[in-house]
């Protein structure tokens, strides 16, 4: 059964609409302070206020621990609560869990980036754009908090106790999370998310090479299970991809490679090689002017919880918005039903 501490945490998360319990209040105070003082940290770590950076990282760690405890509470509640109580309270806990996954990843990202100006927020939203309680206050603190369509999704019919970890992935880390290199994580994602796992650079190669600072990874107990990648200035990113990255990758994987690897899966290998050697479609200038940033997201088939996918989108869009983006677009083949379904579920 739930412990007394877990029940107290549950009560403090949903104390009153405009009066939070001690833990929820502490969470909000940390988030407000971290966002307001994000200019004191970043990469490279040469800020003049070294003490300020140390203090920021200490509070960020406290914030991460609180988020982690509350996400574990959701998992424990689904595993232990009786059916009547579970279906009454699960929608609220599920919402908070998703919001905290995104907020936690966004704070981790703030600690790894150089934000050169105060975080951009939208104009004051209409009252109906945000909900009450802790969820609404956390929503208002994210840079995309006024984009209300991102925050309204019905909870799953069958609650899952699966624990997720959402974090940024940076090539600056010679060894990534749990000792794995970035290329290993990329290969793991490729193998689990793509129908053609033969070439690990297909999914994330251009983003990891040209825009690594906007890459996020979703993990569950089985390892990497989702990703979100973006480019702040899509026009420059696409030009660089076509002029330098694609020629190099085509040289590495010549067309004849697709006809000589039956051990790797002939069809999959050929499809992956053809992907690199096909000419990418040009993006119309009106699109680039209105939506200057490019995004790409995906999850493994085993991720049935739309909330985790929504958290991926929230943290990536928040990171792009924090550095000045005013709109994003994604490129999807009209024949790729899996990706079309994925984006449609996100709304």
C-alpha atoms as a PDB file:
ATOM      1  CA  UNK A   1       0.000   0.000   0.000  1.00  0.00           C
ATOM      2  CA  UNK A   2       0.913   3.666  -0.278  1.00  0.00           C
ATOM      3  CA  UNK A   3       3.023   4.980   2.583  1.00  0.00           C
ATOM      4  CA  UNK A   4       1.907   7.848   4.811  1.00  0.00           C
ATOM      5  CA  UNK A   5       4.538  10.079   3.144  1.00  0.00           C
ATOM      6  CA  UNK A   6       3.116   9.268  -0.301  1.00  0.00           C
ATOM      7  CA  UNK A   7      -0.447  10.023   0.817  1.00  0.00           C
ATOM      8  CA  UNK A   8       0.727  13.334   2.274  1.00  0.00           C
ATOM      9  CA  UNK A   9       2.460  14.167  -1.024  1.00  0.00           C
ATOM     10  CA  UNK A  10      -0.761  13.365  -2.907  1.00  0.00           C
ATOM     11  CA  UNK A  11      -2.729  15.725  -0.662  1.00  0.00           C
ATOM     12  CA  UNK A  12      -0.158  18.516  -0.966  1.00  0.00           C
ATOM     13  CA  UNK A  13      -0.221  18.321  -4.773  1.00  0.00           C
ATOM     14  CA  UNK A  14      -3.985  18.988  -4.832  1.00  0.00           C
ATOM     15  CA  UNK A  15      -4.499  20.929  -1.608  1.00  0.00           C
ATOM     16  CA  UNK A  16      -6.774  23.777  -2.810  1.00  0.00           C
ATOM     17  CA  UNK A  17      -7.108  25.462  -6.238  1.00  0.00           C
ATOM     18  CA  UNK A  18      -5.031  28.491  -5.208  1.00  0.00           C
ATOM     19  CA  UNK A  19      -3.353  27.213  -2.063  1.00  0.00           C
ATOM     20  CA  UNK A  20      -0.731  24.491  -2.411  1.00  0.00           C
ATOM     21  CA  UNK A  21       0.783  22.138   0.101  1.00  0.00           C
ATOM     22  CA  UNK A  22       4.371  22.530   1.288  1.00  0.00           C
ATOM     23  CA  UNK A  23       5.965  20.240  -1.320  1.00  0.00           C
ATOM     24  CA  UNK A  24       4.031  21.741  -4.223  1.00  0.00           C
ATOM     25  CA  UNK A  25       4.904  25.259  -3.045  1.00  0.00           C
ATOM     26  CA  UNK A  26       8.581  24.310  -2.795  1.00  0.00           C
ATOM     27  CA  UNK A  27       8.450  22.888  -6.333  1.00  0.00           C
ATOM     28  CA  UNK A  28       6.966  26.124  -7.725  1.00  0.00           C
ATOM     29  CA  UNK A  29       9.456  28.317  -5.872  1.00  0.00           C
ATOM     30  CA  UNK A  30      12.384  26.312  -7.254  1.00  0.00           C
ATOM     31  CA  UNK A  31      11.031  26.467 -10.809  1.00  0.00           C
ATOM     32  CA  UNK A  32      10.385  30.233 -10.674  1.00  0.00           C
ATOM     33  CA  UNK A  33      13.855  30.921  -9.281  1.00  0.00           C
ATOM     34  CA  UNK A  34      15.632  28.606 -11.743  1.00  0.00           C
ATOM     35  CA  UNK A  35      13.900  30.177 -14.710  1.00  0.00           C
ATOM     36  CA  UNK A  36      14.545  33.733 -13.521  1.00  0.00           C
ATOM     37  CA  UNK A  37      18.250  33.048 -12.855  1.00  0.00           C
ATOM     38  CA  UNK A  38      19.043  30.851 -15.854  1.00  0.00           C
ATOM     39  CA  UNK A  39      21.511  33.432 -17.228  1.00  0.00           C
ATOM     40  CA  UNK A  40      23.977  32.544 -14.460  1.00  0.00           C
ATOM     41  CA  UNK A  41      24.666  29.052 -15.859  1.00  0.00           C
ATOM     42  CA  UNK A  42      25.246  27.394 -19.189  1.00  0.00           C
ATOM     43  CA  UNK A  43      27.891  26.067 -21.546  1.00  0.00           C
ATOM     44  CA  UNK A  44      30.646  27.130 -21.556  1.00  0.00           C
ATOM     45  CA  UNK A  45      30.683  27.302 -17.760  1.00  0.00           C
ATOM     46  CA  UNK A  46      32.639  30.574 -17.595  1.00  0.00           C
ATOM     47  CA  UNK A  47      29.971  32.806 -16.111  1.00  0.00           C
ATOM     48  CA  UNK A  48      31.528  35.609 -14.014  1.00  0.00           C
ATOM     49  CA  UNK A  49      29.309  34.663 -11.089  1.00  0.00           C
ATOM     50  CA  UNK A  50      30.691  31.223 -10.249  1.00  0.00           C
ATOM     51  CA  UNK A  51      28.911  31.147  -6.885  1.00  0.00           C
ATOM     52  CA  UNK A  52      25.625  31.962  -8.609  1.00  0.00           C
ATOM     53  CA  UNK A  53      26.132  29.029 -10.975  1.00  0.00           C
ATOM     54  CA  UNK A  54      26.835  26.668  -8.088  1.00  0.00           C
ATOM     55  CA  UNK A  55      23.722  27.836  -6.274  1.00  0.00           C
ATOM     56  CA  UNK A  56      21.655  27.436  -9.446  1.00  0.00           C
ATOM     57  CA  UNK A  57      22.822  23.855  -9.925  1.00  0.00           C
ATOM     58  CA  UNK A  58      22.114  23.032  -6.295  1.00  0.00           C
ATOM     59  CA  UNK A  59      18.529  24.248  -6.582  1.00  0.00           C
ATOM     60  CA  UNK A  60      18.174  22.492  -9.928  1.00  0.00           C
ATOM     61  CA  UNK A  61      19.157  19.228  -8.260  1.00  0.00           C
ATOM     62  CA  UNK A  62      16.560  19.778  -5.526  1.00  0.00           C
ATOM     63  CA  UNK A  63      13.944  20.482  -8.201  1.00  0.00           C
ATOM     64  CA  UNK A  64      14.889  17.290 -10.073  1.00  0.00           C
ATOM     65  CA  UNK A  65      14.528  15.218  -6.911  1.00  0.00           C
ATOM     66  CA  UNK A  66      11.076  16.650  -6.202  1.00  0.00           C
ATOM     67  CA  UNK A  67       9.955  15.940  -9.781  1.00  0.00           C
ATOM     68  CA  UNK A  68      11.307  12.408  -9.552  1.00  0.00           C
ATOM     69  CA  UNK A  69       9.459  11.749  -6.286  1.00  0.00           C
ATOM     70  CA  UNK A  70       6.181  12.975  -7.727  1.00  0.00           C
ATOM     71  CA  UNK A  71       6.594  10.896 -10.904  1.00  0.00           C
ATOM     72  CA  UNK A  72       7.241   7.831  -8.748  1.00  0.00           C
ATOM     73  CA  UNK A  73       4.087   8.667  -6.800  1.00  0.00           C
ATOM     74  CA  UNK A  74       2.060   8.368 -10.032  1.00  0.00           C
ATOM     75  CA  UNK A  75       3.567   4.949 -10.725  1.00  0.00           C
ATOM     76  CA  UNK A  76       2.997   3.747  -7.157  1.00  0.00           C
ATOM     77  CA  UNK A  77      -0.570   5.051  -7.109  1.00  0.00           C
ATOM     78  CA  UNK A  78      -1.474   3.178 -10.308  1.00  0.00           C
ATOM     79  CA  UNK A  79       0.040  -0.006  -8.867  1.00  0.00           C
ATOM     80  CA  UNK A  80      -1.605   0.118  -5.435  1.00  0.00           C
ATOM     81  CA  UNK A  81      -4.833   2.159  -5.425  1.00  0.00           C
ATOM     82  CA  UNK A  82      -8.222   0.447  -5.612  1.00  0.00           C
ATOM     83  CA  UNK A  83     -10.108   0.761  -8.937  1.00  0.00           C
ATOM     84  CA  UNK A  84     -12.653   3.357  -7.744  1.00  0.00           C
ATOM     85  CA  UNK A  85     -10.016   5.674  -6.227  1.00  0.00           C
ATOM     86  CA  UNK A  86      -7.647   5.080  -9.144  1.00  0.00           C
ATOM     87  CA  UNK A  87     -10.133   6.171 -11.816  1.00  0.00           C
ATOM     88  CA  UNK A  88     -11.218   9.178  -9.751  1.00  0.00           C
ATOM     89  CA  UNK A  89      -7.749  10.592  -9.153  1.00  0.00           C
ATOM     90  CA  UNK A  90      -5.627   9.200 -11.989  1.00  0.00           C
ATOM     91  CA  UNK A  91      -6.437  11.977 -14.524  1.00  0.00           C
ATOM     92  CA  UNK A  92      -5.054  14.602 -12.145  1.00  0.00           C
ATOM     93  CA  UNK A  93      -1.906  12.667 -11.245  1.00  0.00           C
ATOM     94  CA  UNK A  94      -1.332  11.774 -14.904  1.00  0.00           C
ATOM     95  CA  UNK A  95      -1.491  15.447 -15.880  1.00  0.00           C
ATOM     96  CA  UNK A  96       0.951  16.468 -13.164  1.00  0.00           C
ATOM     97  CA  UNK A  97       3.315  13.595 -14.050  1.00  0.00           C
ATOM     98  CA  UNK A  98       3.447  14.702 -17.699  1.00  0.00           C
ATOM     99  CA  UNK A  99       3.990  18.327 -16.774  1.00  0.00           C
ATOM    100  CA  UNK A 100       6.805  17.459 -14.367  1.00  0.00           C
ATOM    101  CA  UNK A 101       8.551  15.279 -16.972  1.00  0.00           C
ATOM    102  CA  UNK A 102       8.632  18.282 -19.313  1.00  0.00           C
ATOM    103  CA  UNK A 103       9.571  20.813 -16.610  1.00  0.00           C
ATOM    104  CA  UNK A 104      12.359  18.596 -15.262  1.00  0.00           C
ATOM    105  CA  UNK A 105      13.871  18.082 -18.740  1.00  0.00           C
ATOM    106  CA  UNK A 106      13.587  21.810 -19.472  1.00  0.00           C
ATOM    107  CA  UNK A 107      15.504  22.694 -16.294  1.00  0.00           C
ATOM    108  CA  UNK A 108      18.179  20.095 -17.143  1.00  0.00           C
ATOM    109  CA  UNK A 109      18.448  21.697 -20.584  1.00  0.00           C
ATOM    110  CA  UNK A 110      18.751  25.199 -19.073  1.00  0.00           C
ATOM    111  CA  UNK A 111      21.751  23.998 -17.072  1.00  0.00           C
ATOM    112  CA  UNK A 112      23.515  22.831 -20.241  1.00  0.00           C
ATOM    113  CA  UNK A 113      22.883  25.759 -22.597  1.00  0.00           C
ATOM    114  CA  UNK A 114      23.903  29.360 -22.976  1.00  0.00           C
ATOM    115  CA  UNK A 115      20.716  31.416 -22.827  1.00  0.00           C
ATOM    116  CA  UNK A 116      21.775  34.848 -24.051  1.00  0.00           C
ATOM    117  CA  UNK A 117      18.582  36.702 -23.136  1.00  0.00           C
ATOM    118  CA  UNK A 118      15.773  36.323 -20.593  1.00  0.00           C
ATOM    119  CA  UNK A 119      13.434  33.483 -21.488  1.00  0.00           C
ATOM    120  CA  UNK A 120      10.769  34.663 -23.903  1.00  0.00           C
ATOM    121  CA  UNK A 121       7.181  34.188 -22.851  1.00  0.00           C
ATOM    122  CA  UNK A 122       4.005  34.834 -24.767  1.00  0.00           C
ATOM    123  CA  UNK A 123       1.662  37.669 -23.964  1.00  0.00           C
ATOM    124  CA  UNK A 124      -0.721  37.191 -21.073  1.00  0.00           C
ATOM    125  CA  UNK A 125      -3.128  34.419 -21.938  1.00  0.00           C
ATOM    126  CA  UNK A 126      -6.884  34.615 -21.622  1.00  0.00           C
ATOM    127  CA  UNK A 127      -8.110  33.088 -18.341  1.00  0.00           C
ATOM    128  CA  UNK A 128      -9.558  30.056 -20.117  1.00  0.00           C
ATOM    129  CA  UNK A 129      -6.162  29.161 -21.646  1.00  0.00           C
ATOM    130  CA  UNK A 130      -4.834  27.830 -18.359  1.00  0.00           C
ATOM    131  CA  UNK A 131      -6.257  25.517 -15.775  1.00  0.00           C
ATOM    132  CA  UNK A 132      -6.252  26.066 -12.044  1.00  0.00           C
ATOM    133  CA  UNK A 133      -4.183  24.388  -9.394  1.00  0.00           C
ATOM    134  CA  UNK A 134      -0.552  23.324  -9.575  1.00  0.00           C
ATOM    135  CA  UNK A 135      -0.884  22.195 -13.201  1.00  0.00           C
ATOM    136  CA  UNK A 136      -1.899  25.682 -14.353  1.00  0.00           C
ATOM    137  CA  UNK A 137       0.917  27.387 -12.453  1.00  0.00           C
ATOM    138  CA  UNK A 138       3.520  25.007 -13.869  1.00  0.00           C
ATOM    139  CA  UNK A 139       2.061  25.522 -17.340  1.00  0.00           C
ATOM    140  CA  UNK A 140       2.418  29.305 -16.995  1.00  0.00           C
ATOM    141  CA  UNK A 141       6.125  28.910 -16.149  1.00  0.00           C
ATOM    142  CA  UNK A 142       6.977  27.018 -19.349  1.00  0.00           C
ATOM    143  CA  UNK A 143       7.876  29.230 -22.343  1.00  0.00           C
ATOM    144  CA  UNK A 144       5.041  27.638 -24.369  1.00  0.00           C
ATOM    145  CA  UNK A 145       2.521  27.989 -21.541  1.00  0.00           C
ATOM    146  CA  UNK A 146       0.060  30.015 -23.630  1.00  0.00           C
ATOM    147  CA  UNK A 147      -0.217  27.337 -26.336  1.00  0.00           C
ATOM    148  CA  UNK A 148      -3.222  25.764 -24.690  1.00  0.00           C
ATOM    149  CA  UNK A 149      -3.720  23.047 -27.341  1.00  0.00           C
ATOM    150  CA  UNK A 150      -0.513  21.381 -26.132  1.00  0.00           C
ATOM    151  CA  UNK A 151      -1.891  20.875 -22.639  1.00  0.00           C
ATOM    152  CA  UNK A 152      -5.325  19.342 -23.166  1.00  0.00           C
ATOM    153  CA  UNK A 153      -5.402  15.610 -23.755  1.00  0.00           C
ATOM    154  CA  UNK A 154      -7.730  12.997 -22.278  1.00  0.00           C
ATOM    155  CA  UNK A 155      -6.018  10.506 -19.952  1.00  0.00           C
ATOM    156  CA  UNK A 156      -5.539   6.910 -21.159  1.00  0.00           C
ATOM    157  CA  UNK A 157      -8.407   4.479 -20.612  1.00  0.00           C
ATOM    158  CA  UNK A 158      -5.999   1.992 -19.023  1.00  0.00           C
ATOM    159  CA  UNK A 159      -3.610   3.659 -16.537  1.00  0.00           C
ATOM    160  CA  UNK A 160       0.000   2.501 -16.747  1.00  0.00           C
ATOM    161  CA  UNK A 161       2.511   2.441 -13.903  1.00  0.00           C
ATOM    162  CA  UNK A 162       5.461   2.732 -16.329  1.00  0.00           C
ATOM    163  CA  UNK A 163       8.171   5.094 -15.086  1.00  0.00           C
ATOM    164  CA  UNK A 164       9.761   7.442 -17.646  1.00  0.00           C
ATOM    165  CA  UNK A 165      12.883   9.583 -17.662  1.00  0.00           C
ATOM    166  CA  UNK A 166      13.064  12.578 -20.004  1.00  0.00           C
ATOM    167  CA  UNK A 167      16.374  14.367 -20.459  1.00  0.00           C
ATOM    168  CA  UNK A 168      18.479  16.307 -22.973  1.00  0.00           C
ATOM    169  CA  UNK A 169      21.124  14.445 -24.945  1.00  0.00           C
ATOM    170  CA  UNK A 170      24.306  16.393 -25.711  1.00  0.00           C
ATOM    171  CA  UNK A 171      27.402  15.332 -27.670  1.00  0.00           C
ATOM    172  CA  UNK A 172      29.317  17.529 -25.192  1.00  0.00           C
ATOM    173  CA  UNK A 173      28.976  14.579 -22.842  1.00  0.00           C
ATOM    174  CA  UNK A 174      31.715  12.183 -23.924  1.00  0.00           C
ATOM    175  CA  UNK A 175      29.801   9.548 -22.063  1.00  0.00           C
ATOM    176  CA  UNK A 176      26.067   9.996 -21.790  1.00  0.00           C
ATOM    177  CA  UNK A 177      23.554   8.732 -19.288  1.00  0.00           C
ATOM    178  CA  UNK A 178      24.601   5.496 -17.527  1.00  0.00           C
ATOM    179  CA  UNK A 179      27.951   5.469 -19.316  1.00  0.00           C
ATOM    180  CA  UNK A 180      26.641   5.123 -22.857  1.00  0.00           C
ATOM    181  CA  UNK A 181      28.048   7.331 -25.580  1.00  0.00           C
ATOM    182  CA  UNK A 182      25.741   9.522 -27.629  1.00  0.00           C
ATOM    183  CA  UNK A 183      26.270   7.353 -30.701  1.00  0.00           C
ATOM    184  CA  UNK A 184      25.237   4.272 -28.728  1.00  0.00           C
ATOM    185  CA  UNK A 185      22.060   5.972 -27.579  1.00  0.00           C
ATOM    186  CA  UNK A 186      21.403   7.039 -31.167  1.00  0.00           C
ATOM    187  CA  UNK A 187      21.874   3.463 -32.371  1.00  0.00           C
ATOM    188  CA  UNK A 188      19.550   2.183 -29.647  1.00  0.00           C
ATOM    189  CA  UNK A 189      16.896   4.699 -30.642  1.00  0.00           C
ATOM    190  CA  UNK A 190      17.338   3.844 -34.301  1.00  0.00           C
ATOM    191  CA  UNK A 191      16.962   0.129 -33.683  1.00  0.00           C
ATOM    192  CA  UNK A 192      13.797   0.586 -31.621  1.00  0.00           C
ATOM    193  CA  UNK A 193      12.057   3.380 -33.527  1.00  0.00           C
ATOM    194  CA  UNK A 194      12.861   2.749 -37.175  1.00  0.00           C
ATOM    195  CA  UNK A 195      11.766   0.067 -39.572  1.00  0.00           C
ATOM    196  CA  UNK A 196      15.285   0.180 -41.047  1.00  0.00           C
ATOM    197  CA  UNK A 197      17.759  -0.158 -38.161  1.00  0.00           C
ATOM    198  CA  UNK A 198      20.753  -0.849 -40.384  1.00  0.00           C
ATOM    199  CA  UNK A 199      22.058   2.717 -40.462  1.00  0.00           C
ATOM    200  CA  UNK A 200      21.941   4.475 -37.081  1.00  0.00           C
ATOM    201  CA  UNK A 201      22.410   7.960 -38.562  1.00  0.00           C
ATOM    202  CA  UNK A 202      19.120   7.926 -40.408  1.00  0.00           C
ATOM    203  CA  UNK A 203      16.901   9.220 -37.604  1.00  0.00           C
ATOM    204  CA  UNK A 204      19.067  11.603 -35.649  1.00  0.00           C
ATOM    205  CA  UNK A 205      22.358  11.889 -37.520  1.00  0.00           C
ATOM    206  CA  UNK A 206      21.845  15.371 -38.945  1.00  0.00           C
ATOM    207  CA  UNK A 207      20.438  16.739 -35.681  1.00  0.00           C
ATOM    208  CA  UNK A 208      23.235  15.264 -33.534  1.00  0.00           C
ATOM    209  CA  UNK A 209      25.850  16.650 -35.928  1.00  0.00           C
ATOM    210  CA  UNK A 210      24.384  20.085 -36.636  1.00  0.00           C
ATOM    211  CA  UNK A 211      21.942  20.894 -33.810  1.00  0.00           C
ATOM    212  CA  UNK A 212      22.767  18.687 -30.790  1.00  0.00           C
ATOM    213  CA  UNK A 213      21.629  21.293 -28.260  1.00  0.00           C
ATOM    214  CA  UNK A 214      17.963  20.626 -29.075  1.00  0.00           C
ATOM    215  CA  UNK A 215      17.883  16.840 -28.703  1.00  0.00           C
ATOM    216  CA  UNK A 216      15.877  15.096 -25.977  1.00  0.00           C
ATOM    217  CA  UNK A 217      15.575  11.400 -25.134  1.00  0.00           C
ATOM    218  CA  UNK A 218      12.712   9.556 -23.460  1.00  0.00           C
ATOM    219  CA  UNK A 219      13.651   6.406 -21.558  1.00  0.00           C
ATOM    220  CA  UNK A 220      11.706   3.697 -19.776  1.00  0.00           C
ATOM    221  CA  UNK A 221      12.888   0.588 -17.945  1.00  0.00           C
ATOM    222  CA  UNK A 222      13.806  -0.987 -21.290  1.00  0.00           C
ATOM    223  CA  UNK A 223      16.080   1.882 -22.367  1.00  0.00           C
ATOM    224  CA  UNK A 224      15.592   4.659 -24.965  1.00  0.00           C
ATOM    225  CA  UNK A 225      12.020   4.661 -26.251  1.00  0.00           C
ATOM    226  CA  UNK A 226      11.509   8.122 -27.739  1.00  0.00           C
ATOM    227  CA  UNK A 227      13.263  11.225 -28.994  1.00  0.00           C
ATOM    228  CA  UNK A 228      12.627  14.848 -29.852  1.00  0.00           C
ATOM    229  CA  UNK A 229      15.075  16.807 -31.991  1.00  0.00           C
ATOM    230  CA  UNK A 230      14.974  20.339 -33.320  1.00  0.00           C
ATOM    231  CA  UNK A 231      16.855  23.058 -35.172  1.00  0.00           C
ATOM    232  CA  UNK A 232      16.338  26.653 -34.052  1.00  0.00           C
ATOM    233  CA  UNK A 233      17.133  28.180 -37.461  1.00  0.00           C
ATOM    234  CA  UNK A 234      15.766  25.639 -39.923  1.00  0.00           C
ATOM    235  CA  UNK A 235      16.897  27.433 -43.077  1.00  0.00           C
ATOM    236  CA  UNK A 236      20.564  27.426 -42.093  1.00  0.00           C
ATOM    237  CA  UNK A 237      20.275  23.898 -40.715  1.00  0.00           C
ATOM    238  CA  UNK A 238      18.826  22.532 -43.975  1.00  0.00           C
ATOM    239  CA  UNK A 239      21.457  24.330 -46.077  1.00  0.00           C
ATOM    240  CA  UNK A 240      24.247  22.899 -43.931  1.00  0.00           C
ATOM    241  CA  UNK A 241      22.687  19.436 -44.017  1.00  0.00           C
ATOM    242  CA  UNK A 242      22.470  19.436 -47.810  1.00  0.00           C
ATOM    243  CA  UNK A 243      25.897  21.000 -48.465  1.00  0.00           C
ATOM    244  CA  UNK A 244      28.104  19.179 -45.924  1.00  0.00           C
ATOM    245  CA  UNK A 245      26.391  16.491 -43.857  1.00  0.00           C
ATOM    246  CA  UNK A 246      24.578  14.625 -46.659  1.00  0.00           C
ATOM    247  CA  UNK A 247      27.622  14.434 -49.000  1.00  0.00           C
ATOM    248  CA  UNK A 248      29.715  13.013 -46.161  1.00  0.00           C
ATOM    249  CA  UNK A 249      27.104  10.421 -45.196  1.00  0.00           C
ATOM    250  CA  UNK A 250      26.596   9.442 -48.860  1.00  0.00           C
ATOM    251  CA  UNK A 251      30.326   8.850 -49.188  1.00  0.00           C
ATOM    252  CA  UNK A 252      30.249   6.694 -46.066  1.00  0.00           C
ATOM    253  CA  UNK A 253      27.239   4.677 -47.291  1.00  0.00           C
ATOM    254  CA  UNK A 254      27.541   4.343 -51.112  1.00  0.00           C
ATOM    255  CA  UNK A 255      24.519   3.097 -53.112  1.00  0.00           C
ATOM    256  CA  UNK A 256      26.079  -0.331 -53.710  1.00  0.00           C
ATOM    257  CA  UNK A 257      26.052  -0.974 -49.952  1.00  0.00           C
ATOM    258  CA  UNK A 258      22.326  -1.652 -50.232  1.00  0.00           C
ATOM    259  CA  UNK A 259      22.956  -4.675 -52.428  1.00  0.00           C
ATOM    260  CA  UNK A 260      25.601  -6.440 -50.346  1.00  0.00           C
ATOM    261  CA  UNK A 261      24.356  -6.935 -46.814  1.00  0.00           C
ATOM    262  CA  UNK A 262      21.853  -9.801 -46.480  1.00  0.00           C
ATOM    263  CA  UNK A 263      22.974 -10.429 -42.919  1.00  0.00           C
ATOM    264  CA  UNK A 264      21.707  -7.006 -41.878  1.00  0.00           C
ATOM    265  CA  UNK A 265      18.352  -7.453 -43.582  1.00  0.00           C
ATOM    266  CA  UNK A 266      18.387  -6.749 -47.305  1.00  0.00           C
ATOM    267  CA  UNK A 267      15.186  -4.711 -47.543  1.00  0.00           C
ATOM    268  CA  UNK A 268      15.947  -2.625 -44.453  1.00  0.00           C
ATOM    269  CA  UNK A 269      19.494  -1.848 -45.550  1.00  0.00           C
ATOM    270  CA  UNK A 270      18.462  -0.922 -49.072  1.00  0.00           C
ATOM    271  CA  UNK A 271      15.690   1.345 -47.750  1.00  0.00           C
ATOM    272  CA  UNK A 272      18.111   3.103 -45.395  1.00  0.00           C
ATOM    273  CA  UNK A 273      20.737   3.670 -48.119  1.00  0.00           C
ATOM    274  CA  UNK A 274      18.094   4.967 -50.523  1.00  0.00           C
ATOM    275  CA  UNK A 275      16.934   7.388 -47.819  1.00  0.00           C
ATOM    276  CA  UNK A 276      20.362   9.065 -47.766  1.00  0.00           C
ATOM    277  CA  UNK A 277      20.745   9.160 -51.549  1.00  0.00           C
ATOM    278  CA  UNK A 278      17.293  10.563 -52.283  1.00  0.00           C
ATOM    279  CA  UNK A 279      17.209  14.315 -52.848  1.00  0.00           C
ATOM    280  CA  UNK A 280      15.441  16.011 -49.892  1.00  0.00           C
ATOM    281  CA  UNK A 281      12.408  18.103 -50.729  1.00  0.00           C
ATOM    282  CA  UNK A 282      12.898  21.864 -50.568  1.00  0.00           C
ATOM    283  CA  UNK A 283      10.950  23.735 -47.905  1.00  0.00           C
ATOM    284  CA  UNK A 284       8.994  26.708 -49.337  1.00  0.00           C
ATOM    285  CA  UNK A 285      10.213  30.116 -48.195  1.00  0.00           C
ATOM    286  CA  UNK A 286       6.773  31.184 -46.844  1.00  0.00           C
ATOM    287  CA  UNK A 287       6.910  28.201 -44.471  1.00  0.00           C
ATOM    288  CA  UNK A 288      10.418  29.092 -43.283  1.00  0.00           C
ATOM    289  CA  UNK A 289       9.442  32.723 -42.718  1.00  0.00           C
ATOM    290  CA  UNK A 290       6.389  31.877 -40.649  1.00  0.00           C
ATOM    291  CA  UNK A 291       7.786  28.791 -38.905  1.00  0.00           C
ATOM    292  CA  UNK A 292      11.568  29.274 -38.606  1.00  0.00           C
ATOM    293  CA  UNK A 293      12.330  26.119 -36.556  1.00  0.00           C
ATOM    294  CA  UNK A 294      12.312  22.454 -37.560  1.00  0.00           C
ATOM    295  CA  UNK A 295      11.251  19.640 -35.205  1.00  0.00           C
ATOM    296  CA  UNK A 296      11.193  15.861 -35.397  1.00  0.00           C
ATOM    297  CA  UNK A 297       9.731  13.516 -32.769  1.00  0.00           C
ATOM    298  CA  UNK A 298       9.077   9.823 -32.448  1.00  0.00           C
ATOM    299  CA  UNK A 299       8.472   7.038 -29.945  1.00  0.00           C
ATOM    300  CA  UNK A 300       8.846   3.266 -29.972  1.00  0.00           C
ATOM    301  CA  UNK A 301       5.679   1.202 -30.536  1.00  0.00           C
ATOM    302  CA  UNK A 302       5.728   0.103 -26.888  1.00  0.00           C
ATOM    303  CA  UNK A 303       5.068   3.697 -25.703  1.00  0.00           C
ATOM    304  CA  UNK A 304       1.279   3.654 -25.535  1.00  0.00           C
ATOM    305  CA  UNK A 305       0.988   6.597 -23.126  1.00  0.00           C
ATOM    306  CA  UNK A 306       0.336   9.771 -25.137  1.00  0.00           C
ATOM    307  CA  UNK A 307       1.276  11.783 -22.054  1.00  0.00           C
ATOM    308  CA  UNK A 308       4.942  10.815 -22.367  1.00  0.00           C
ATOM    309  CA  UNK A 309       4.937  11.848 -26.047  1.00  0.00           C
ATOM    310  CA  UNK A 310       3.290  15.129 -25.129  1.00  0.00           C
ATOM    311  CA  UNK A 311       6.014  15.787 -22.541  1.00  0.00           C
ATOM    312  CA  UNK A 312       8.640  15.257 -25.268  1.00  0.00           C
ATOM    313  CA  UNK A 313       6.953  17.880 -27.424  1.00  0.00           C
ATOM    314  CA  UNK A 314       6.580  20.323 -24.520  1.00  0.00           C
ATOM    315  CA  UNK A 315      10.247  20.273 -23.512  1.00  0.00           C
ATOM    316  CA  UNK A 316      11.522  20.600 -27.091  1.00  0.00           C
ATOM    317  CA  UNK A 317       9.141  23.447 -27.938  1.00  0.00           C
ATOM    318  CA  UNK A 318       9.966  25.172 -24.635  1.00  0.00           C
ATOM    319  CA  UNK A 319      13.696  24.988 -25.411  1.00  0.00           C
ATOM    320  CA  UNK A 320      13.181  26.452 -28.891  1.00  0.00           C
ATOM    321  CA  UNK A 321      10.839  29.154 -27.580  1.00  0.00           C
ATOM    322  CA  UNK A 322      13.311  30.075 -24.824  1.00  0.00           C
ATOM    323  CA  UNK A 323      15.850  30.982 -27.501  1.00  0.00           C
ATOM    324  CA  UNK A 324      13.419  33.055 -29.550  1.00  0.00           C
ATOM    325  CA  UNK A 325      11.631  30.692 -31.947  1.00  0.00           C
ATOM    326  CA  UNK A 326       8.160  31.899 -32.923  1.00  0.00           C
ATOM    327  CA  UNK A 327       6.960  28.774 -34.760  1.00  0.00           C
ATOM    328  CA  UNK A 328       7.933  25.242 -35.785  1.00  0.00           C
ATOM    329  CA  UNK A 329       7.189  22.801 -38.590  1.00  0.00           C
ATOM    330  CA  UNK A 330       7.935  19.128 -39.191  1.00  0.00           C
ATOM    331  CA  UNK A 331       8.437  17.155 -42.390  1.00  0.00           C
ATOM    332  CA  UNK A 332       6.455  13.925 -42.748  1.00  0.00           C
ATOM    333  CA  UNK A 333       5.990  11.699 -45.770  1.00  0.00           C
ATOM    334  CA  UNK A 334       2.333  11.301 -46.691  1.00  0.00           C
ATOM    335  CA  UNK A 335       3.014   7.558 -46.879  1.00  0.00           C
ATOM    336  CA  UNK A 336       4.388   7.346 -43.330  1.00  0.00           C
ATOM    337  CA  UNK A 337       1.212   6.431 -41.487  1.00  0.00           C
ATOM    338  CA  UNK A 338       3.067   5.754 -38.242  1.00  0.00           C
ATOM    339  CA  UNK A 339       4.418   9.316 -38.005  1.00  0.00           C
ATOM    340  CA  UNK A 340       1.165  10.867 -39.225  1.00  0.00           C
ATOM    341  CA  UNK A 341      -0.712   8.972 -36.507  1.00  0.00           C
ATOM    342  CA  UNK A 342       1.880  10.020 -33.900  1.00  0.00           C
ATOM    343  CA  UNK A 343       1.577  13.755 -34.668  1.00  0.00           C
ATOM    344  CA  UNK A 344      -2.208  13.530 -34.927  1.00  0.00           C
ATOM    345  CA  UNK A 345      -2.421  12.028 -31.435  1.00  0.00           C
ATOM    346  CA  UNK A 346      -0.396  14.962 -30.132  1.00  0.00           C
ATOM    347  CA  UNK A 347      -3.006  17.294 -31.626  1.00  0.00           C
END
